[in-house]
Amino acid sequence: MNRKKKQKEKESTRALIGITEITSHSLVTEHSELVFFIIKPTNINVLSDISIGARIYALMNVLKGIAEIEMLCLNSRENFEDVKSNMRIRMDSEQNPAIRKLLVQDQTYLDRMQVQMATAREFLIIIRLRNERESDVQPYLSRIEKSLKDQGFTASKASEPDIKRMLGVYYEQNVTTESFEDLDGERWVIYGE
């Protein structure tokens, strides 16, 4: 194996996706620093048309006031479609009626779980910091958070565990793990052995 190939194999997952550091409040890449604000979603199914219009107008005001804003929407729950598809294939080929009945019950359970979690979304406002002075960053971020709250949004700056969880959902489509690991394979290491 040549030297470059060996070096490439030793790169961490973070390096491969361009993350240089996860700080207490941001995600640092080689090009910029990303700060995330988590927006608590509003159930618009229970709002009147006038209230929905007001929410849209409030979001428009936030977007107008901050030029560098980016938005991200993530599922914050598992997607069971692959499991259900495999289960249907298994049911079609299963000869034992007792096993087939259990598979039908499992499918019904997964359907119920998916319906309950269908509206589980996470909305994020992303601010990309480039070459800002450290003394200017916190007042700038505080102003953005205040603007979101002034427009009626329940918002908070994402912490390091929030960012790791978000990365776990985004890259792994996995919401059952605690969070994105600091080191590749960290969860498998047993200290003291």
N, C-alpha and C. Protein backbone atom coordinates (compact mmCIF):
# COMPACT_ATOMS: atom_id res chain seq x y z
N MET A 1 0.83 -1.18 0.00
CA MET A 1 0.00 0.00 0.00
C MET A 1 0.88 1.24 0.00
N ASN A 2 0.51 2.20 -0.79
CA ASN A 2 1.33 3.41 -0.78
C ASN A 2 1.00 4.26 0.44
N ARG A 3 1.85 5.22 0.69
CA ARG A 3 1.77 6.03 1.91
C ARG A 3 0.48 6.86 1.99
N LYS A 4 0.06 7.45 0.86
CA LYS A 4 -1.16 8.27 0.85
C LYS A 4 -2.38 7.43 1.19
N LYS A 5 -2.43 6.22 0.64
CA LYS A 5 -3.59 5.36 0.90
C LYS A 5 -3.65 4.97 2.37
N LYS A 6 -2.50 4.64 2.97
CA LYS A 6 -2.46 4.30 4.39
C LYS A 6 -2.91 5.48 5.24
N GLN A 7 -2.44 6.68 4.88
CA GLN A 7 -2.82 7.87 5.63
C GLN A 7 -4.31 8.13 5.51
N LYS A 8 -4.89 7.93 4.33
CA LYS A 8 -6.32 8.14 4.09
C LYS A 8 -7.15 7.19 4.96
N GLU A 9 -6.68 5.93 5.11
CA GLU A 9 -7.41 4.95 5.91
C GLU A 9 -7.44 5.33 7.39
N LYS A 10 -6.47 6.11 7.85
CA LYS A 10 -6.39 6.47 9.26
C LYS A 10 -7.20 7.73 9.57
N GLU A 11 -7.74 8.39 8.57
CA GLU A 11 -8.52 9.60 8.82
C GLU A 11 -9.79 9.26 9.60
N SER A 12 -10.14 10.17 10.49
CA SER A 12 -11.35 9.97 11.27
C SER A 12 -12.57 10.33 10.45
N THR A 13 -13.72 9.91 10.93
CA THR A 13 -14.98 10.26 10.27
C THR A 13 -15.15 11.77 10.23
N ARG A 14 -14.81 12.44 11.30
CA ARG A 14 -14.92 13.90 11.33
C ARG A 14 -14.10 14.54 10.22
N ALA A 15 -12.87 14.06 10.04
CA ALA A 15 -12.01 14.64 9.01
C ALA A 15 -12.61 14.38 7.63
N LEU A 16 -13.16 13.20 7.43
CA LEU A 16 -13.75 12.86 6.13
C LEU A 16 -14.95 13.73 5.78
N ILE A 17 -15.71 14.17 6.78
CA ILE A 17 -16.86 15.03 6.49
C ILE A 17 -16.54 16.50 6.70
N GLY A 18 -15.27 16.80 6.98
CA GLY A 18 -14.82 18.19 7.01
C GLY A 18 -14.94 18.91 8.33
N ILE A 19 -15.15 18.18 9.43
CA ILE A 19 -15.26 18.82 10.75
C ILE A 19 -13.88 18.84 11.40
N THR A 20 -13.45 20.01 11.82
CA THR A 20 -12.17 20.09 12.52
C THR A 20 -12.34 20.10 14.03
N GLU A 21 -13.50 20.62 14.50
CA GLU A 21 -13.72 20.69 15.94
C GLU A 21 -15.20 20.90 16.23
N ILE A 22 -15.64 20.37 17.37
CA ILE A 22 -16.97 20.67 17.89
C ILE A 22 -16.73 21.38 19.21
N THR A 23 -17.12 22.66 19.25
CA THR A 23 -16.91 23.44 20.47
C THR A 23 -18.17 23.39 21.32
N SER A 24 -18.18 24.13 22.41
CA SER A 24 -19.34 24.13 23.30
C SER A 24 -20.56 24.77 22.65
N HIS A 25 -20.37 25.51 21.54
CA HIS A 25 -21.51 26.19 20.92
C HIS A 25 -21.50 26.15 19.39
N SER A 26 -20.51 25.45 18.78
CA SER A 26 -20.45 25.49 17.32
C SER A 26 -19.76 24.27 16.74
N LEU A 27 -19.85 24.20 15.42
CA LEU A 27 -19.20 23.17 14.64
C LEU A 27 -18.19 23.90 13.75
N VAL A 28 -16.92 23.55 13.87
CA VAL A 28 -15.88 24.25 13.12
C VAL A 28 -15.43 23.37 11.96
N THR A 29 -15.44 23.97 10.75
CA THR A 29 -14.92 23.30 9.56
C THR A 29 -13.72 24.08 9.08
N GLU A 30 -13.05 23.58 8.05
CA GLU A 30 -11.88 24.31 7.55
C GLU A 30 -12.27 25.62 6.87
N HIS A 31 -13.54 25.77 6.49
CA HIS A 31 -13.98 26.98 5.78
C HIS A 31 -14.70 27.99 6.68
N SER A 32 -15.38 27.52 7.72
CA SER A 32 -16.14 28.43 8.56
C SER A 32 -16.52 27.75 9.87
N GLU A 33 -17.16 28.52 10.71
CA GLU A 33 -17.69 28.02 11.98
C GLU A 33 -19.21 28.11 11.89
N LEU A 34 -19.91 27.03 12.23
CA LEU A 34 -21.37 26.99 12.15
C LEU A 34 -21.96 27.01 13.56
N VAL A 35 -22.86 27.94 13.77
CA VAL A 35 -23.59 28.02 15.04
C VAL A 35 -25.04 27.67 14.74
N PHE A 36 -25.63 26.80 15.55
CA PHE A 36 -26.98 26.31 15.32
C PHE A 36 -27.91 26.85 16.40
N PHE A 37 -29.08 27.30 15.97
CA PHE A 37 -30.15 27.66 16.89
C PHE A 37 -31.27 26.66 16.68
N ILE A 38 -31.69 26.00 17.75
CA ILE A 38 -32.78 25.03 17.67
C ILE A 38 -34.09 25.77 17.86
N ILE A 39 -34.99 25.60 16.91
CA ILE A 39 -36.30 26.24 16.96
C ILE A 39 -37.32 25.17 17.34
N LYS A 40 -38.04 25.41 18.42
CA LYS A 40 -39.08 24.47 18.81
C LYS A 40 -40.25 24.62 17.84
N PRO A 41 -40.67 23.52 17.19
CA PRO A 41 -41.74 23.63 16.20
C PRO A 41 -43.10 23.94 16.83
N THR A 42 -43.94 24.56 16.03
CA THR A 42 -45.31 24.87 16.42
C THR A 42 -46.24 23.94 15.66
N ASN A 43 -47.21 23.38 16.33
CA ASN A 43 -48.18 22.52 15.66
C ASN A 43 -49.19 23.42 14.94
N ILE A 44 -49.00 23.60 13.64
CA ILE A 44 -49.87 24.51 12.90
C ILE A 44 -51.24 23.89 12.62
N ASN A 45 -51.40 22.60 12.89
CA ASN A 45 -52.70 21.96 12.69
C ASN A 45 -53.78 22.53 13.61
N VAL A 46 -53.36 23.08 14.73
CA VAL A 46 -54.34 23.61 15.68
C VAL A 46 -54.48 25.12 15.60
N LEU A 47 -53.73 25.76 14.69
CA LEU A 47 -53.77 27.21 14.55
C LEU A 47 -54.78 27.63 13.49
N SER A 48 -55.32 28.82 13.66
CA SER A 48 -56.23 29.38 12.64
C SER A 48 -55.40 29.88 11.46
N ASP A 49 -56.07 30.17 10.35
CA ASP A 49 -55.37 30.69 9.18
C ASP A 49 -54.66 31.99 9.49
N ILE A 50 -55.28 32.83 10.30
CA ILE A 50 -54.68 34.12 10.67
C ILE A 50 -53.40 33.89 11.49
N SER A 51 -53.44 32.94 12.41
CA SER A 51 -52.26 32.64 13.23
C SER A 51 -51.13 32.06 12.39
N ILE A 52 -51.48 31.21 11.43
CA ILE A 52 -50.46 30.65 10.54
C ILE A 52 -49.82 31.77 9.72
N GLY A 53 -50.64 32.68 9.21
CA GLY A 53 -50.11 33.83 8.46
C GLY A 53 -49.18 34.67 9.32
N ALA A 54 -49.53 34.85 10.59
CA ALA A 54 -48.68 35.62 11.51
C ALA A 54 -47.35 34.92 11.73
N ARG A 55 -47.36 33.59 11.84
CA ARG A 55 -46.11 32.82 12.02
C ARG A 55 -45.22 32.95 10.79
N ILE A 56 -45.83 32.88 9.62
CA ILE A 56 -45.07 33.02 8.37
C ILE A 56 -44.46 34.42 8.29
N TYR A 57 -45.24 35.44 8.64
CA TYR A 57 -44.76 36.81 8.62
C TYR A 57 -43.60 36.99 9.61
N ALA A 58 -43.71 36.38 10.78
CA ALA A 58 -42.64 36.46 11.79
C ALA A 58 -41.36 35.83 11.27
N LEU A 59 -41.49 34.66 10.61
CA LEU A 59 -40.31 34.01 10.04
C LEU A 59 -39.71 34.88 8.94
N MET A 60 -40.55 35.51 8.13
CA MET A 60 -40.06 36.39 7.08
C MET A 60 -39.26 37.55 7.68
N ASN A 61 -39.73 38.10 8.80
CA ASN A 61 -39.01 39.18 9.47
C ASN A 61 -37.64 38.73 9.96
N VAL A 62 -37.57 37.51 10.48
CA VAL A 62 -36.28 36.98 10.93
C VAL A 62 -35.34 36.83 9.73
N LEU A 63 -35.85 36.26 8.64
CA LEU A 63 -35.02 36.04 7.45
C LEU A 63 -34.54 37.35 6.84
N LYS A 64 -35.39 38.38 6.86
CA LYS A 64 -35.00 39.69 6.32
C LYS A 64 -33.89 40.32 7.15
N GLY A 65 -33.92 40.10 8.45
CA GLY A 65 -33.00 40.77 9.34
C GLY A 65 -31.62 40.14 9.42
N ILE A 66 -31.47 38.92 8.94
CA ILE A 66 -30.19 38.22 9.07
C ILE A 66 -29.83 37.64 7.70
N ALA A 67 -28.88 38.28 7.03
CA ALA A 67 -28.53 37.87 5.66
C ALA A 67 -27.83 36.51 5.61
N GLU A 68 -27.07 36.18 6.62
CA GLU A 68 -26.24 34.96 6.60
C GLU A 68 -26.99 33.71 7.06
N ILE A 69 -28.28 33.78 7.18
CA ILE A 69 -29.05 32.70 7.78
C ILE A 69 -29.21 31.51 6.81
N GLU A 70 -29.10 30.30 7.36
CA GLU A 70 -29.38 29.08 6.63
C GLU A 70 -30.37 28.30 7.49
N MET A 71 -31.15 27.44 6.87
CA MET A 71 -32.13 26.66 7.62
C MET A 71 -31.95 25.18 7.34
N LEU A 72 -32.27 24.37 8.34
CA LEU A 72 -32.17 22.93 8.22
C LEU A 72 -33.34 22.30 8.96
N CYS A 73 -33.95 21.32 8.34
CA CYS A 73 -35.02 20.56 8.98
C CYS A 73 -34.61 19.10 8.99
N LEU A 74 -34.63 18.49 10.17
CA LEU A 74 -34.24 17.09 10.32
C LEU A 74 -35.39 16.28 10.91
N ASN A 75 -35.46 15.03 10.53
CA ASN A 75 -36.31 14.10 11.25
C ASN A 75 -35.63 13.87 12.58
N SER A 76 -36.37 13.92 13.64
CA SER A 76 -35.74 13.63 14.93
C SER A 76 -36.20 12.27 15.46
N ARG A 77 -36.71 11.46 14.59
CA ARG A 77 -37.13 10.10 14.93
C ARG A 77 -36.72 9.15 13.82
N GLU A 78 -36.70 7.87 14.16
CA GLU A 78 -36.32 6.84 13.20
C GLU A 78 -37.32 6.73 12.06
N ASN A 79 -36.85 6.30 10.92
CA ASN A 79 -37.69 6.00 9.78
C ASN A 79 -37.74 4.48 9.66
N PHE A 80 -38.93 3.90 9.70
CA PHE A 80 -39.07 2.45 9.73
C PHE A 80 -39.37 1.84 8.36
N GLU A 81 -39.32 2.61 7.29
CA GLU A 81 -39.74 2.11 5.98
C GLU A 81 -38.94 0.90 5.53
N ASP A 82 -37.61 0.91 5.71
CA ASP A 82 -36.79 -0.23 5.29
C ASP A 82 -37.15 -1.49 6.09
N VAL A 83 -37.34 -1.31 7.38
CA VAL A 83 -37.70 -2.45 8.24
C VAL A 83 -39.06 -3.01 7.81
N LYS A 84 -40.02 -2.11 7.57
CA LYS A 84 -41.36 -2.56 7.17
C LYS A 84 -41.33 -3.25 5.80
N SER A 85 -40.51 -2.76 4.90
CA SER A 85 -40.39 -3.38 3.58
C SER A 85 -39.82 -4.80 3.70
N ASN A 86 -38.78 -4.95 4.50
CA ASN A 86 -38.20 -6.28 4.73
C ASN A 86 -39.20 -7.20 5.42
N MET A 87 -39.99 -6.64 6.32
CA MET A 87 -40.99 -7.43 7.03
C MET A 87 -42.07 -7.93 6.06
N ARG A 88 -42.49 -7.07 5.10
CA ARG A 88 -43.49 -7.49 4.11
C ARG A 88 -42.95 -8.63 3.24
N ILE A 89 -41.70 -8.53 2.84
CA ILE A 89 -41.07 -9.60 2.05
C ILE A 89 -41.04 -10.88 2.86
N ARG A 90 -40.68 -10.78 4.13
CA ARG A 90 -40.63 -11.94 5.01
C ARG A 90 -42.01 -12.56 5.19
N MET A 91 -43.06 -11.71 5.34
CA MET A 91 -44.43 -12.21 5.51
C MET A 91 -44.89 -12.97 4.27
N ASP A 92 -44.53 -12.45 3.09
CA ASP A 92 -44.93 -13.10 1.84
C ASP A 92 -44.30 -14.48 1.68
N SER A 93 -43.10 -14.65 2.21
CA SER A 93 -42.41 -15.93 2.04
C SER A 93 -42.60 -16.88 3.23
N GLU A 94 -43.17 -16.40 4.32
CA GLU A 94 -43.30 -17.22 5.54
C GLU A 94 -44.40 -18.27 5.38
N GLN A 95 -44.08 -19.52 5.69
CA GLN A 95 -45.02 -20.64 5.59
C GLN A 95 -45.74 -20.91 6.92
N ASN A 96 -45.09 -20.63 8.02
CA ASN A 96 -45.64 -20.92 9.33
C ASN A 96 -46.67 -19.83 9.69
N PRO A 97 -47.96 -20.21 9.90
CA PRO A 97 -48.99 -19.22 10.20
C PRO A 97 -48.75 -18.47 11.52
N ALA A 98 -48.18 -19.11 12.51
CA ALA A 98 -47.92 -18.45 13.80
C ALA A 98 -46.87 -17.34 13.62
N ILE A 99 -45.84 -17.63 12.86
CA ILE A 99 -44.79 -16.63 12.61
C ILE A 99 -45.36 -15.49 11.77
N ARG A 100 -46.18 -15.83 10.77
CA ARG A 100 -46.78 -14.81 9.93
C ARG A 100 -47.66 -13.88 10.77
N LYS A 101 -48.40 -14.44 11.73
CA LYS A 101 -49.25 -13.63 12.61
C LYS A 101 -48.40 -12.68 13.46
N LEU A 102 -47.28 -13.18 13.96
CA LEU A 102 -46.37 -12.32 14.73
C LEU A 102 -45.80 -11.19 13.87
N LEU A 103 -45.46 -11.50 12.64
CA LEU A 103 -44.94 -10.47 11.73
C LEU A 103 -46.00 -9.40 11.44
N VAL A 104 -47.26 -9.81 11.30
CA VAL A 104 -48.35 -8.86 11.09
C VAL A 104 -48.50 -7.96 12.32
N GLN A 105 -48.40 -8.55 13.50
CA GLN A 105 -48.49 -7.75 14.73
C GLN A 105 -47.33 -6.76 14.83
N ASP A 106 -46.13 -7.22 14.46
CA ASP A 106 -44.98 -6.31 14.46
C ASP A 106 -45.18 -5.16 13.47
N GLN A 107 -45.71 -5.48 12.31
CA GLN A 107 -45.97 -4.44 11.29
C GLN A 107 -46.98 -3.42 11.81
N THR A 108 -48.03 -3.89 12.46
CA THR A 108 -49.04 -2.99 13.01
C THR A 108 -48.43 -2.09 14.09
N TYR A 109 -47.58 -2.67 14.93
CA TYR A 109 -46.91 -1.90 15.97
C TYR A 109 -46.02 -0.82 15.36
N LEU A 110 -45.24 -1.16 14.34
CA LEU A 110 -44.38 -0.18 13.68
C LEU A 110 -45.20 0.92 13.02
N ASP A 111 -46.33 0.56 12.42
CA ASP A 111 -47.20 1.57 11.81
C ASP A 111 -47.69 2.55 12.86
N ARG A 112 -48.11 2.03 14.01
CA ARG A 112 -48.59 2.89 15.09
C ARG A 112 -47.48 3.83 15.59
N MET A 113 -46.29 3.28 15.78
CA MET A 113 -45.15 4.09 16.24
C MET A 113 -44.83 5.19 15.23
N GLN A 114 -44.86 4.85 13.95
CA GLN A 114 -44.51 5.83 12.93
C GLN A 114 -45.54 6.95 12.86
N VAL A 115 -46.81 6.62 13.04
CA VAL A 115 -47.85 7.64 13.04
C VAL A 115 -47.65 8.58 14.23
N GLN A 116 -47.34 8.04 15.39
CA GLN A 116 -47.12 8.86 16.58
C GLN A 116 -45.93 9.80 16.42
N MET A 117 -44.93 9.36 15.66
CA MET A 117 -43.71 10.15 15.51
C MET A 117 -43.65 10.91 14.19
N ALA A 118 -44.72 10.90 13.43
CA ALA A 118 -44.71 11.50 12.09
C ALA A 118 -44.39 12.98 12.10
N THR A 119 -44.76 13.67 13.14
CA THR A 119 -44.53 15.11 13.17
C THR A 119 -43.28 15.48 13.96
N ALA A 120 -42.44 14.49 14.25
CA ALA A 120 -41.24 14.76 15.03
C ALA A 120 -40.15 15.33 14.13
N ARG A 121 -40.10 16.63 14.03
CA ARG A 121 -39.12 17.31 13.21
C ARG A 121 -38.33 18.25 14.11
N GLU A 122 -37.14 18.54 13.66
CA GLU A 122 -36.30 19.48 14.37
C GLU A 122 -35.89 20.56 13.37
N PHE A 123 -36.11 21.81 13.74
CA PHE A 123 -35.81 22.93 12.85
C PHE A 123 -34.62 23.69 13.41
N LEU A 124 -33.66 23.95 12.53
CA LEU A 124 -32.45 24.62 12.95
C LEU A 124 -32.18 25.84 12.08
N ILE A 125 -31.77 26.91 12.71
CA ILE A 125 -31.27 28.09 12.02
C ILE A 125 -29.75 27.99 12.14
N ILE A 126 -29.06 28.12 11.02
CA ILE A 126 -27.61 27.99 11.01
C ILE A 126 -27.00 29.34 10.66
N ILE A 127 -26.04 29.74 11.45
CA ILE A 127 -25.28 30.96 11.20
C ILE A 127 -23.85 30.55 10.90
N ARG A 128 -23.37 30.95 9.75
CA ARG A 128 -22.01 30.62 9.31
C ARG A 128 -21.10 31.81 9.62
N LEU A 129 -20.17 31.60 10.53
CA LEU A 129 -19.23 32.66 10.92
C LEU A 129 -17.95 32.51 10.10
N ARG A 130 -17.53 33.62 9.49
CA ARG A 130 -16.29 33.61 8.72
C ARG A 130 -15.46 34.82 9.12
N ASN A 131 -14.30 34.57 9.66
CA ASN A 131 -13.32 35.62 9.96
C ASN A 131 -13.86 36.71 10.88
N GLU A 132 -14.85 36.40 11.73
CA GLU A 132 -15.33 37.39 12.69
C GLU A 132 -14.37 37.44 13.88
N ARG A 133 -14.24 38.63 14.43
CA ARG A 133 -13.42 38.76 15.64
C ARG A 133 -14.16 38.10 16.80
N GLU A 134 -13.42 37.46 17.66
CA GLU A 134 -14.01 36.74 18.80
C GLU A 134 -14.86 37.67 19.66
N SER A 135 -14.45 38.90 19.81
CA SER A 135 -15.20 39.86 20.65
C SER A 135 -16.54 40.24 20.02
N ASP A 136 -16.68 40.08 18.71
CA ASP A 136 -17.93 40.43 18.02
C ASP A 136 -18.92 39.27 17.94
N VAL A 137 -18.45 38.05 18.12
CA VAL A 137 -19.28 36.87 17.89
C VAL A 137 -20.42 36.76 18.90
N GLN A 138 -20.13 36.81 20.19
CA GLN A 138 -21.18 36.61 21.19
C GLN A 138 -22.29 37.68 21.12
N PRO A 139 -21.95 38.97 20.99
CA PRO A 139 -23.03 39.95 20.84
C PRO A 139 -23.88 39.71 19.58
N TYR A 140 -23.22 39.31 18.50
CA TYR A 140 -23.93 39.02 17.25
C TYR A 140 -24.90 37.85 17.43
N LEU A 141 -24.43 36.77 18.06
CA LEU A 141 -25.28 35.60 18.29
C LEU A 141 -26.41 35.92 19.26
N SER A 142 -26.13 36.72 20.27
CA SER A 142 -27.17 37.13 21.21
C SER A 142 -28.25 37.95 20.51
N ARG A 143 -27.84 38.80 19.58
CA ARG A 143 -28.80 39.61 18.82
C ARG A 143 -29.70 38.72 17.96
N ILE A 144 -29.13 37.69 17.36
CA ILE A 144 -29.92 36.76 16.54
C ILE A 144 -30.91 36.00 17.41
N GLU A 145 -30.46 35.51 18.56
CA GLU A 145 -31.35 34.78 19.47
C GLU A 145 -32.48 35.69 19.96
N LYS A 146 -32.16 36.93 20.26
CA LYS A 146 -33.18 37.90 20.69
C LYS A 146 -34.18 38.16 19.56
N SER A 147 -33.69 38.28 18.32
CA SER A 147 -34.57 38.50 17.18
C SER A 147 -35.55 37.34 17.01
N LEU A 148 -35.06 36.12 17.16
CA LEU A 148 -35.93 34.95 17.05
C LEU A 148 -37.00 34.97 18.14
N LYS A 149 -36.59 35.26 19.36
CA LYS A 149 -37.54 35.28 20.48
C LYS A 149 -38.53 36.44 20.35
N ASP A 150 -38.05 37.60 19.86
CA ASP A 150 -38.94 38.75 19.66
C ASP A 150 -40.03 38.45 18.64
N GLN A 151 -39.75 37.58 17.69
CA GLN A 151 -40.73 37.21 16.67
C GLN A 151 -41.61 36.04 17.11
N GLY A 152 -41.47 35.62 18.36
CA GLY A 152 -42.36 34.61 18.92
C GLY A 152 -41.88 33.17 18.78
N PHE A 153 -40.62 32.97 18.38
CA PHE A 153 -40.10 31.62 18.26
C PHE A 153 -39.43 31.20 19.55
N THR A 154 -39.61 29.94 19.92
CA THR A 154 -38.90 29.39 21.07
C THR A 154 -37.59 28.85 20.52
N ALA A 155 -36.51 29.55 20.81
CA ALA A 155 -35.21 29.22 20.21
C ALA A 155 -34.13 29.19 21.28
N SER A 156 -33.15 28.33 21.05
CA SER A 156 -31.99 28.29 21.93
C SER A 156 -30.77 27.90 21.10
N LYS A 157 -29.62 28.41 21.51
CA LYS A 157 -28.39 28.07 20.83
C LYS A 157 -28.05 26.62 21.17
N ALA A 158 -27.69 25.84 20.16
CA ALA A 158 -27.38 24.43 20.36
C ALA A 158 -26.08 24.28 21.14
N SER A 159 -26.09 23.36 22.10
CA SER A 159 -24.90 23.06 22.88
C SER A 159 -24.11 21.94 22.19
N GLU A 160 -22.96 21.61 22.72
CA GLU A 160 -22.14 20.54 22.14
C GLU A 160 -22.91 19.21 22.05
N PRO A 161 -23.61 18.77 23.13
CA PRO A 161 -24.39 17.52 23.00
C PRO A 161 -25.50 17.63 21.94
N ASP A 162 -26.13 18.81 21.82
CA ASP A 162 -27.15 19.00 20.78
C ASP A 162 -26.56 18.84 19.39
N ILE A 163 -25.38 19.42 19.19
CA ILE A 163 -24.72 19.34 17.88
C ILE A 163 -24.34 17.89 17.56
N LYS A 164 -23.83 17.18 18.54
CA LYS A 164 -23.46 15.77 18.32
C LYS A 164 -24.69 14.92 18.01
N ARG A 165 -25.79 15.16 18.72
CA ARG A 165 -27.02 14.42 18.45
C ARG A 165 -27.53 14.73 17.04
N MET A 166 -27.47 16.00 16.66
CA MET A 166 -27.91 16.41 15.32
C MET A 166 -27.06 15.73 14.24
N LEU A 167 -25.75 15.66 14.45
CA LEU A 167 -24.88 14.99 13.49
C LEU A 167 -25.20 13.51 13.40
N GLY A 168 -25.50 12.90 14.55
CA GLY A 168 -25.89 11.49 14.55
C GLY A 168 -27.14 11.25 13.73
N VAL A 169 -28.13 12.14 13.85
CA VAL A 169 -29.36 12.02 13.08
C VAL A 169 -29.09 12.29 11.60
N TYR A 170 -28.33 13.35 11.32
CA TYR A 170 -28.10 13.77 9.94
C TYR A 170 -27.27 12.76 9.16
N TYR A 171 -26.16 12.31 9.74
CA TYR A 171 -25.26 11.42 9.01
C TYR A 171 -25.59 9.94 9.16
N GLU A 172 -26.06 9.53 10.33
CA GLU A 172 -26.32 8.12 10.56
C GLU A 172 -27.79 7.77 10.44
N GLN A 173 -28.68 8.78 10.39
CA GLN A 173 -30.13 8.56 10.45
C GLN A 173 -30.46 7.71 11.67
N ASN A 174 -29.78 8.01 12.77
CA ASN A 174 -29.91 7.22 13.98
C ASN A 174 -30.20 8.13 15.16
N VAL A 175 -31.39 8.02 15.72
CA VAL A 175 -31.73 8.85 16.87
C VAL A 175 -31.70 8.07 18.17
N THR A 176 -31.30 6.80 18.10
CA THR A 176 -31.30 5.99 19.31
C THR A 176 -29.96 6.03 20.02
N THR A 177 -28.88 6.43 19.34
CA THR A 177 -27.60 6.51 20.01
C THR A 177 -27.54 7.79 20.82
N GLU A 178 -26.70 7.80 21.82
CA GLU A 178 -26.57 8.96 22.69
C GLU A 178 -26.18 10.20 21.90
N SER A 179 -25.09 10.11 21.15
CA SER A 179 -24.65 11.26 20.38
C SER A 179 -23.52 10.84 19.43
N PHE A 180 -23.11 11.78 18.62
CA PHE A 180 -21.98 11.61 17.73
C PHE A 180 -20.74 11.41 18.59
N GLU A 181 -19.91 10.43 18.25
CA GLU A 181 -18.76 10.11 19.09
C GLU A 181 -17.65 11.13 18.93
N ASP A 182 -16.90 11.36 20.02
CA ASP A 182 -15.73 12.23 19.95
C ASP A 182 -14.62 11.55 19.15
N LEU A 183 -14.49 10.24 19.30
CA LEU A 183 -13.49 9.46 18.58
C LEU A 183 -14.19 8.28 17.92
N ASP A 184 -13.78 7.92 16.69
CA ASP A 184 -14.39 6.79 16.00
C ASP A 184 -14.26 5.53 16.84
N GLY A 185 -15.37 4.82 17.04
CA GLY A 185 -15.36 3.57 17.79
C GLY A 185 -15.30 3.73 19.29
N GLU A 186 -15.44 4.96 19.78
CA GLU A 186 -15.31 5.24 21.21
C GLU A 186 -16.27 4.41 22.06
N ARG A 187 -17.49 4.18 21.57
CA ARG A 187 -18.48 3.45 22.37
C ARG A 187 -18.10 1.99 22.58
N TRP A 188 -17.15 1.46 21.80
CA TRP A 188 -16.80 0.06 21.89
C TRP A 188 -15.59 -0.17 22.82
N VAL A 189 -14.94 0.90 23.25
CA VAL A 189 -13.77 0.77 24.10
C VAL A 189 -14.21 0.55 25.54
N ILE A 190 -13.65 -0.47 26.17
CA ILE A 190 -13.93 -0.76 27.57
C ILE A 190 -12.66 -0.42 28.34
N TYR A 191 -12.75 0.64 29.14
CA TYR A 191 -11.59 1.10 29.88
C TYR A 191 -11.30 0.18 31.06
N GLY A 192 -10.02 -0.04 31.35
CA GLY A 192 -9.63 -0.86 32.47
C GLY A 192 -9.47 -2.33 32.13
N GLU A 193 -9.60 -2.69 30.87
CA GLU A 193 -9.41 -4.10 30.49
C GLU A 193 -8.17 -4.27 29.66
